[in-house]
Amino acid sequence: MLWETDWTWGILTLALCIVFHVTGLVALRRLVIFPLVSSLRAKSAIFSISIFSFLAISAVLFHAIEAAIWAVMYVRLNVLTDFSQAYLHSLGAFSTYGNSGYDLNTKWRLLSQIEAMNGIVAFGLTTAFLYSAAHLIHQNSEETEVDFLKTGK
């Protein structure tokens, strides 16, 4: 079985989610990281923690929205009939946890595997993004400490 329908819907949904995820991360970088991290020299450690926490929570929300996009697709295609079941299944597939308790019809099983690939890529992008953000925050706060030690300000 070639699963042509699965591949078609799966790749379209995967592409939509990846574009959404990357757009969200780029927006966070431009709207949060650049303006706020550059002002860290005058801020406290709590400010750094707040920025990083906001970024991490935003990334989690992106993942939750992407799982919802997959759930809507499952409901629209009548793969699963109830949104709450579809969302639970989607969260399991997207996070690669699986075991939602809702098995898909044999015709549609490949969709969960494609969604898991989407999740792996999204979590990888998020990890790289958060690592980069942590590095920038640490670098700027370290420069602040060096400046303080040199000047006392």
N, C-alpha and C. Protein backbone atom coordinates (compact mmCIF):
# COMPACT_ATOMS: atom_id res chain seq x y z
N MET A 1 0.85 -1.18 0.00
CA MET A 1 0.00 0.00 0.00
C MET A 1 0.90 1.25 0.00
N LEU A 2 0.60 2.20 -0.86
CA LEU A 2 1.43 3.40 -1.00
C LEU A 2 1.02 4.54 -0.08
N TRP A 3 -0.18 4.48 0.42
CA TRP A 3 -0.67 5.53 1.31
C TRP A 3 -0.58 6.91 0.69
N GLU A 4 -0.98 7.03 -0.56
CA GLU A 4 -0.87 8.32 -1.26
C GLU A 4 -1.62 9.44 -0.53
N THR A 5 -2.81 9.13 -0.03
CA THR A 5 -3.60 10.16 0.66
C THR A 5 -2.90 10.58 1.95
N ASP A 6 -2.36 9.61 2.69
CA ASP A 6 -1.63 9.92 3.92
C ASP A 6 -0.45 10.85 3.62
N TRP A 7 0.31 10.50 2.61
CA TRP A 7 1.49 11.32 2.28
C TRP A 7 1.07 12.72 1.85
N THR A 8 0.02 12.81 1.06
CA THR A 8 -0.43 14.12 0.59
C THR A 8 -0.84 14.99 1.77
N TRP A 9 -1.79 14.52 2.59
CA TRP A 9 -2.26 15.30 3.73
C TRP A 9 -1.17 15.47 4.78
N GLY A 10 -0.39 14.43 5.00
CA GLY A 10 0.66 14.49 6.01
C GLY A 10 1.74 15.50 5.68
N ILE A 11 2.21 15.50 4.44
CA ILE A 11 3.28 16.43 4.06
C ILE A 11 2.75 17.87 4.02
N LEU A 12 1.51 18.05 3.55
CA LEU A 12 0.94 19.41 3.56
C LEU A 12 0.81 19.94 4.99
N THR A 13 0.33 19.10 5.89
CA THR A 13 0.18 19.52 7.29
C THR A 13 1.54 19.73 7.94
N LEU A 14 2.48 18.84 7.68
CA LEU A 14 3.84 18.98 8.19
C LEU A 14 4.45 20.30 7.73
N ALA A 15 4.32 20.61 6.44
CA ALA A 15 4.88 21.85 5.90
C ALA A 15 4.22 23.07 6.55
N LEU A 16 2.91 23.04 6.71
CA LEU A 16 2.21 24.14 7.36
C LEU A 16 2.72 24.34 8.78
N CYS A 17 2.89 23.25 9.52
CA CYS A 17 3.36 23.34 10.90
C CYS A 17 4.80 23.84 10.99
N ILE A 18 5.65 23.38 10.09
CA ILE A 18 7.05 23.82 10.11
C ILE A 18 7.13 25.32 9.78
N VAL A 19 6.38 25.76 8.78
CA VAL A 19 6.37 27.19 8.44
C VAL A 19 5.86 28.00 9.64
N PHE A 20 4.79 27.54 10.27
CA PHE A 20 4.25 28.22 11.46
C PHE A 20 5.31 28.27 12.56
N HIS A 21 5.97 27.15 12.81
CA HIS A 21 6.96 27.06 13.89
C HIS A 21 8.14 27.99 13.64
N VAL A 22 8.69 27.93 12.44
CA VAL A 22 9.85 28.76 12.11
C VAL A 22 9.46 30.24 12.15
N THR A 23 8.29 30.57 11.64
CA THR A 23 7.82 31.96 11.68
C THR A 23 7.71 32.44 13.13
N GLY A 24 7.16 31.61 13.99
CA GLY A 24 7.04 31.96 15.40
C GLY A 24 8.40 32.16 16.06
N LEU A 25 9.34 31.27 15.78
CA LEU A 25 10.68 31.40 16.38
C LEU A 25 11.39 32.65 15.87
N VAL A 26 11.27 32.93 14.58
CA VAL A 26 11.89 34.14 14.03
C VAL A 26 11.25 35.39 14.64
N ALA A 27 9.93 35.38 14.80
CA ALA A 27 9.25 36.52 15.43
C ALA A 27 9.73 36.71 16.87
N LEU A 28 9.86 35.62 17.61
CA LEU A 28 10.36 35.73 18.98
C LEU A 28 11.78 36.30 19.00
N ARG A 29 12.58 35.86 18.07
CA ARG A 29 13.97 36.36 18.01
C ARG A 29 13.99 37.86 17.74
N ARG A 30 13.17 38.29 16.78
CA ARG A 30 13.18 39.71 16.41
C ARG A 30 12.46 40.59 17.41
N LEU A 31 11.36 40.10 17.99
CA LEU A 31 10.54 40.93 18.87
C LEU A 31 10.93 40.85 20.34
N VAL A 32 11.55 39.73 20.74
CA VAL A 32 11.87 39.54 22.15
C VAL A 32 13.37 39.53 22.39
N ILE A 33 14.05 38.64 21.70
CA ILE A 33 15.47 38.44 22.01
C ILE A 33 16.29 39.68 21.68
N PHE A 34 16.24 40.15 20.46
CA PHE A 34 17.09 41.28 20.08
C PHE A 34 16.83 42.53 20.93
N PRO A 35 15.58 42.97 21.08
CA PRO A 35 15.39 44.20 21.86
C PRO A 35 15.68 44.02 23.35
N LEU A 36 15.29 42.90 23.92
CA LEU A 36 15.42 42.74 25.37
C LEU A 36 16.81 42.29 25.80
N VAL A 37 17.41 41.38 25.05
CA VAL A 37 18.73 40.89 25.45
C VAL A 37 19.76 41.99 25.35
N SER A 38 19.62 42.86 24.38
CA SER A 38 20.59 43.95 24.26
C SER A 38 20.50 44.91 25.45
N SER A 39 19.37 44.93 26.15
CA SER A 39 19.23 45.81 27.30
C SER A 39 19.53 45.09 28.62
N LEU A 40 20.04 43.87 28.55
CA LEU A 40 20.30 43.11 29.77
C LEU A 40 21.33 43.76 30.68
N ARG A 41 22.21 44.55 30.13
CA ARG A 41 23.27 45.15 30.94
C ARG A 41 22.70 45.96 32.10
N ALA A 42 21.52 46.48 31.91
CA ALA A 42 20.92 47.29 32.97
C ALA A 42 19.89 46.51 33.78
N LYS A 43 19.78 45.23 33.54
CA LYS A 43 18.72 44.45 34.18
C LYS A 43 19.31 43.42 35.14
N SER A 44 18.44 42.78 35.88
CA SER A 44 18.84 41.79 36.87
C SER A 44 18.77 40.38 36.31
N ALA A 45 19.22 39.42 37.12
CA ALA A 45 19.13 38.01 36.74
C ALA A 45 17.66 37.59 36.60
N ILE A 46 16.80 38.17 37.39
CA ILE A 46 15.37 37.85 37.29
C ILE A 46 14.83 38.23 35.92
N PHE A 47 15.33 39.32 35.38
CA PHE A 47 14.92 39.75 34.04
C PHE A 47 15.36 38.70 33.01
N SER A 48 16.57 38.18 33.12
CA SER A 48 17.07 37.14 32.22
C SER A 48 16.23 35.88 32.33
N ILE A 49 15.92 35.50 33.55
CA ILE A 49 15.09 34.31 33.79
C ILE A 49 13.70 34.52 33.18
N SER A 50 13.16 35.70 33.33
CA SER A 50 11.83 36.00 32.78
C SER A 50 11.83 35.92 31.26
N ILE A 51 12.85 36.46 30.62
CA ILE A 51 12.94 36.39 29.16
C ILE A 51 13.00 34.94 28.71
N PHE A 52 13.89 34.16 29.32
CA PHE A 52 14.05 32.77 28.89
C PHE A 52 12.79 31.96 29.17
N SER A 53 12.15 32.20 30.29
CA SER A 53 10.90 31.50 30.61
C SER A 53 9.82 31.83 29.59
N PHE A 54 9.71 33.10 29.23
CA PHE A 54 8.74 33.51 28.22
C PHE A 54 9.00 32.80 26.89
N LEU A 55 10.27 32.71 26.50
CA LEU A 55 10.62 32.03 25.25
C LEU A 55 10.25 30.55 25.31
N ALA A 56 10.54 29.90 26.43
CA ALA A 56 10.24 28.47 26.56
C ALA A 56 8.73 28.23 26.56
N ILE A 57 7.99 29.06 27.27
CA ILE A 57 6.53 28.90 27.29
C ILE A 57 5.95 29.16 25.90
N SER A 58 6.48 30.15 25.19
CA SER A 58 6.03 30.41 23.82
C SER A 58 6.27 29.20 22.93
N ALA A 59 7.43 28.57 23.07
CA ALA A 59 7.74 27.39 22.27
C ALA A 59 6.76 26.25 22.57
N VAL A 60 6.43 26.07 23.83
CA VAL A 60 5.45 25.04 24.20
C VAL A 60 4.10 25.34 23.56
N LEU A 61 3.71 26.60 23.56
CA LEU A 61 2.44 26.99 22.92
C LEU A 61 2.47 26.71 21.43
N PHE A 62 3.61 26.95 20.79
CA PHE A 62 3.74 26.64 19.36
C PHE A 62 3.49 25.15 19.13
N HIS A 63 4.09 24.31 19.97
CA HIS A 63 3.90 22.86 19.84
C HIS A 63 2.43 22.48 20.04
N ALA A 64 1.79 23.09 21.02
CA ALA A 64 0.38 22.80 21.29
C ALA A 64 -0.50 23.22 20.11
N ILE A 65 -0.20 24.36 19.51
CA ILE A 65 -0.98 24.82 18.35
C ILE A 65 -0.76 23.89 17.17
N GLU A 66 0.47 23.46 16.97
CA GLU A 66 0.76 22.55 15.86
C GLU A 66 0.04 21.21 16.04
N ALA A 67 -0.01 20.71 17.27
CA ALA A 67 -0.76 19.48 17.53
C ALA A 67 -2.24 19.70 17.24
N ALA A 68 -2.74 20.89 17.54
CA ALA A 68 -4.14 21.22 17.25
C ALA A 68 -4.40 21.26 15.74
N ILE A 69 -3.43 21.76 14.99
CA ILE A 69 -3.56 21.77 13.52
C ILE A 69 -3.71 20.34 13.01
N TRP A 70 -2.87 19.44 13.52
CA TRP A 70 -2.98 18.03 13.13
C TRP A 70 -4.33 17.46 13.56
N ALA A 71 -4.80 17.80 14.76
CA ALA A 71 -6.08 17.28 15.24
C ALA A 71 -7.23 17.75 14.36
N VAL A 72 -7.20 19.01 13.94
CA VAL A 72 -8.23 19.51 13.04
C VAL A 72 -8.21 18.71 11.73
N MET A 73 -7.02 18.41 11.23
CA MET A 73 -6.94 17.63 10.00
C MET A 73 -7.54 16.23 10.21
N TYR A 74 -7.24 15.61 11.36
CA TYR A 74 -7.80 14.28 11.64
C TYR A 74 -9.33 14.32 11.65
N VAL A 75 -9.89 15.36 12.25
CA VAL A 75 -11.35 15.48 12.32
C VAL A 75 -11.93 15.77 10.94
N ARG A 76 -11.30 16.67 10.18
CA ARG A 76 -11.79 17.02 8.83
C ARG A 76 -11.80 15.82 7.89
N LEU A 77 -10.80 14.93 8.05
CA LEU A 77 -10.71 13.75 7.20
C LEU A 77 -11.50 12.57 7.76
N ASN A 78 -12.19 12.78 8.89
CA ASN A 78 -12.93 11.72 9.58
C ASN A 78 -12.03 10.56 9.99
N VAL A 79 -10.77 10.87 10.27
CA VAL A 79 -9.86 9.85 10.81
C VAL A 79 -10.26 9.58 12.25
N LEU A 80 -10.51 10.64 13.00
CA LEU A 80 -11.09 10.57 14.34
C LEU A 80 -12.24 11.56 14.34
N THR A 81 -13.33 11.22 14.99
CA THR A 81 -14.54 12.04 14.87
C THR A 81 -14.65 13.13 15.92
N ASP A 82 -14.00 12.98 17.03
CA ASP A 82 -14.11 13.93 18.13
C ASP A 82 -12.81 14.71 18.27
N PHE A 83 -12.91 16.05 18.38
CA PHE A 83 -11.69 16.87 18.45
C PHE A 83 -10.84 16.51 19.67
N SER A 84 -11.47 16.27 20.81
CA SER A 84 -10.68 15.97 22.01
C SER A 84 -9.89 14.67 21.83
N GLN A 85 -10.50 13.67 21.21
CA GLN A 85 -9.76 12.43 20.92
C GLN A 85 -8.64 12.70 19.91
N ALA A 86 -8.96 13.47 18.89
CA ALA A 86 -7.96 13.79 17.86
C ALA A 86 -6.80 14.57 18.46
N TYR A 87 -7.11 15.51 19.36
CA TYR A 87 -6.05 16.32 19.97
C TYR A 87 -5.17 15.47 20.88
N LEU A 88 -5.78 14.60 21.67
CA LEU A 88 -5.00 13.71 22.53
C LEU A 88 -4.10 12.80 21.69
N HIS A 89 -4.67 12.24 20.63
CA HIS A 89 -3.87 11.40 19.74
C HIS A 89 -2.74 12.22 19.11
N SER A 90 -3.07 13.42 18.69
CA SER A 90 -2.09 14.28 18.04
C SER A 90 -0.95 14.65 18.98
N LEU A 91 -1.27 15.01 20.22
CA LEU A 91 -0.21 15.33 21.19
C LEU A 91 0.71 14.13 21.40
N GLY A 92 0.13 12.94 21.44
CA GLY A 92 0.95 11.73 21.59
C GLY A 92 1.85 11.50 20.40
N ALA A 93 1.30 11.68 19.21
CA ALA A 93 2.10 11.48 17.99
C ALA A 93 3.15 12.57 17.84
N PHE A 94 2.75 13.82 18.05
CA PHE A 94 3.65 14.96 17.85
C PHE A 94 4.85 14.89 18.81
N SER A 95 4.59 14.47 20.03
CA SER A 95 5.66 14.38 21.02
C SER A 95 6.41 13.06 20.93
N THR A 96 5.98 12.18 20.05
CA THR A 96 6.50 10.82 19.86
C THR A 96 6.27 9.94 21.09
N TYR A 97 5.40 10.38 21.99
CA TYR A 97 5.03 9.57 23.15
C TYR A 97 4.12 8.42 22.73
N GLY A 98 3.17 8.74 21.85
CA GLY A 98 2.23 7.74 21.38
C GLY A 98 1.24 7.36 22.46
N ASN A 99 0.64 6.19 22.31
CA ASN A 99 -0.22 5.58 23.32
C ASN A 99 -1.34 6.48 23.80
N SER A 100 -2.07 7.09 22.87
CA SER A 100 -3.21 7.91 23.25
C SER A 100 -4.42 7.04 23.57
N GLY A 101 -4.37 5.80 23.16
CA GLY A 101 -5.52 4.92 23.34
C GLY A 101 -6.49 4.95 22.17
N TYR A 102 -6.24 5.82 21.20
CA TYR A 102 -7.10 5.93 20.03
C TYR A 102 -6.32 5.46 18.81
N ASP A 103 -6.68 4.30 18.34
CA ASP A 103 -6.01 3.76 17.17
C ASP A 103 -6.67 4.27 15.90
N LEU A 104 -5.83 4.59 14.93
CA LEU A 104 -6.35 5.04 13.65
C LEU A 104 -6.66 3.84 12.77
N ASN A 105 -7.61 4.04 11.88
CA ASN A 105 -7.93 3.04 10.88
C ASN A 105 -6.65 2.74 10.09
N THR A 106 -6.49 1.50 9.66
CA THR A 106 -5.29 1.09 8.92
C THR A 106 -5.01 2.03 7.76
N LYS A 107 -6.05 2.52 7.12
CA LYS A 107 -5.90 3.42 5.98
C LYS A 107 -5.13 4.69 6.34
N TRP A 108 -5.21 5.13 7.61
CA TRP A 108 -4.66 6.42 8.01
C TRP A 108 -3.48 6.32 8.97
N ARG A 109 -2.99 5.16 9.25
CA ARG A 109 -1.95 5.01 10.28
C ARG A 109 -0.64 5.73 9.95
N LEU A 110 -0.33 5.88 8.70
CA LEU A 110 0.91 6.57 8.34
C LEU A 110 0.90 8.03 8.79
N LEU A 111 -0.30 8.62 8.88
CA LEU A 111 -0.39 10.03 9.31
C LEU A 111 0.28 10.25 10.67
N SER A 112 0.07 9.34 11.59
CA SER A 112 0.69 9.49 12.93
C SER A 112 2.21 9.47 12.84
N GLN A 113 2.73 8.66 11.95
CA GLN A 113 4.18 8.58 11.81
C GLN A 113 4.74 9.86 11.17
N ILE A 114 4.01 10.40 10.22
CA ILE A 114 4.42 11.67 9.61
C ILE A 114 4.34 12.79 10.64
N GLU A 115 3.29 12.76 11.47
CA GLU A 115 3.18 13.76 12.53
C GLU A 115 4.34 13.63 13.52
N ALA A 116 4.74 12.42 13.83
CA ALA A 116 5.89 12.23 14.73
C ALA A 116 7.16 12.81 14.11
N MET A 117 7.34 12.64 12.80
CA MET A 117 8.49 13.27 12.13
C MET A 117 8.42 14.78 12.27
N ASN A 118 7.22 15.33 12.11
CA ASN A 118 7.01 16.77 12.28
C ASN A 118 7.40 17.20 13.70
N GLY A 119 6.97 16.43 14.67
CA GLY A 119 7.29 16.75 16.05
C GLY A 119 8.79 16.71 16.33
N ILE A 120 9.47 15.71 15.80
CA ILE A 120 10.92 15.61 16.00
C ILE A 120 11.62 16.85 15.44
N VAL A 121 11.23 17.24 14.24
CA VAL A 121 11.84 18.43 13.62
C VAL A 121 11.51 19.68 14.45
N ALA A 122 10.26 19.83 14.87
CA ALA A 122 9.86 21.00 15.65
C ALA A 122 10.59 21.05 16.99
N PHE A 123 10.71 19.92 17.67
CA PHE A 123 11.44 19.90 18.94
C PHE A 123 12.92 20.18 18.72
N GLY A 124 13.47 19.72 17.62
CA GLY A 124 14.86 20.03 17.30
C GLY A 124 15.07 21.52 17.05
N LEU A 125 14.17 22.11 16.29
CA LEU A 125 14.25 23.56 16.04
C LEU A 125 14.12 24.34 17.34
N THR A 126 13.20 23.91 18.19
CA THR A 126 13.00 24.58 19.47
C THR A 126 14.24 24.46 20.35
N THR A 127 14.83 23.28 20.38
CA THR A 127 16.04 23.08 21.19
C THR A 127 17.16 23.99 20.71
N ALA A 128 17.37 24.04 19.40
CA ALA A 128 18.41 24.91 18.85
C ALA A 128 18.12 26.37 19.17
N PHE A 129 16.87 26.76 19.04
CA PHE A 129 16.48 28.14 19.31
C PHE A 129 16.71 28.50 20.78
N LEU A 130 16.27 27.64 21.69
CA LEU A 130 16.43 27.92 23.11
C LEU A 130 17.90 27.91 23.52
N TYR A 131 18.68 27.02 22.93
CA TYR A 131 20.12 27.01 23.21
C TYR A 131 20.75 28.33 22.76
N SER A 132 20.40 28.77 21.57
CA SER A 132 20.92 30.03 21.04
C SER A 132 20.51 31.20 21.94
N ALA A 133 19.25 31.21 22.36
CA ALA A 133 18.76 32.28 23.23
C ALA A 133 19.49 32.25 24.57
N ALA A 134 19.68 31.07 25.13
CA ALA A 134 20.39 30.96 26.40
C ALA A 134 21.82 31.45 26.26
N HIS A 135 22.45 31.13 25.14
CA HIS A 135 23.82 31.58 24.89
C HIS A 135 23.88 33.11 24.82
N LEU A 136 22.94 33.73 24.10
CA LEU A 136 22.91 35.19 23.99
C LEU A 136 22.65 35.84 25.35
N ILE A 137 21.73 35.29 26.10
CA ILE A 137 21.42 35.85 27.42
C ILE A 137 22.64 35.72 28.33
N HIS A 138 23.26 34.55 28.33
CA HIS A 138 24.44 34.32 29.17
C HIS A 138 25.59 35.24 28.75
N GLN A 139 25.80 35.36 27.46
CA GLN A 139 26.88 36.20 26.95
C GLN A 139 26.69 37.65 27.39
N ASN A 140 25.48 38.17 27.25
CA ASN A 140 25.21 39.55 27.65
C ASN A 140 25.28 39.74 29.16
N SER A 141 24.80 38.76 29.91
CA SER A 141 24.87 38.91 31.37
C SER A 141 26.31 38.77 31.85
N GLU A 142 27.11 37.95 31.16
CA GLU A 142 28.52 37.81 31.51
C GLU A 142 29.27 39.11 31.24
N GLU A 143 28.95 39.75 30.12
CA GLU A 143 29.56 41.05 29.80
C GLU A 143 29.19 42.08 30.86
N THR A 144 27.97 42.01 31.35
CA THR A 144 27.53 42.92 32.41
C THR A 144 28.36 42.72 33.67
N GLU A 145 28.61 41.45 34.02
CA GLU A 145 29.42 41.15 35.20
C GLU A 145 30.85 41.67 35.04
N VAL A 146 31.42 41.48 33.87
CA VAL A 146 32.78 41.96 33.60
C VAL A 146 32.83 43.48 33.70
N ASP A 147 31.84 44.14 33.10
CA ASP A 147 31.77 45.61 33.18
C ASP A 147 31.66 46.07 34.62
N PHE A 148 30.85 45.36 35.41
CA PHE A 148 30.67 45.72 36.81
C PHE A 148 31.98 45.58 37.59
N LEU A 149 32.68 44.47 37.31
CA LEU A 149 33.95 44.25 38.01
C LEU A 149 35.00 45.31 37.64
N LYS A 150 34.97 45.75 36.40
CA LYS A 150 35.95 46.76 35.94
C LYS A 150 35.61 48.15 36.46
N THR A 151 34.34 48.50 36.39
CA THR A 151 33.94 49.89 36.68
C THR A 151 33.22 50.06 38.00
N GLY A 152 32.71 48.98 38.54
CA GLY A 152 31.92 49.09 39.77
C GLY A 152 30.51 49.57 39.52
N LYS A 153 30.12 49.64 38.24
CA LYS A 153 28.76 50.09 37.87
C LYS A 153 28.03 49.00 37.17
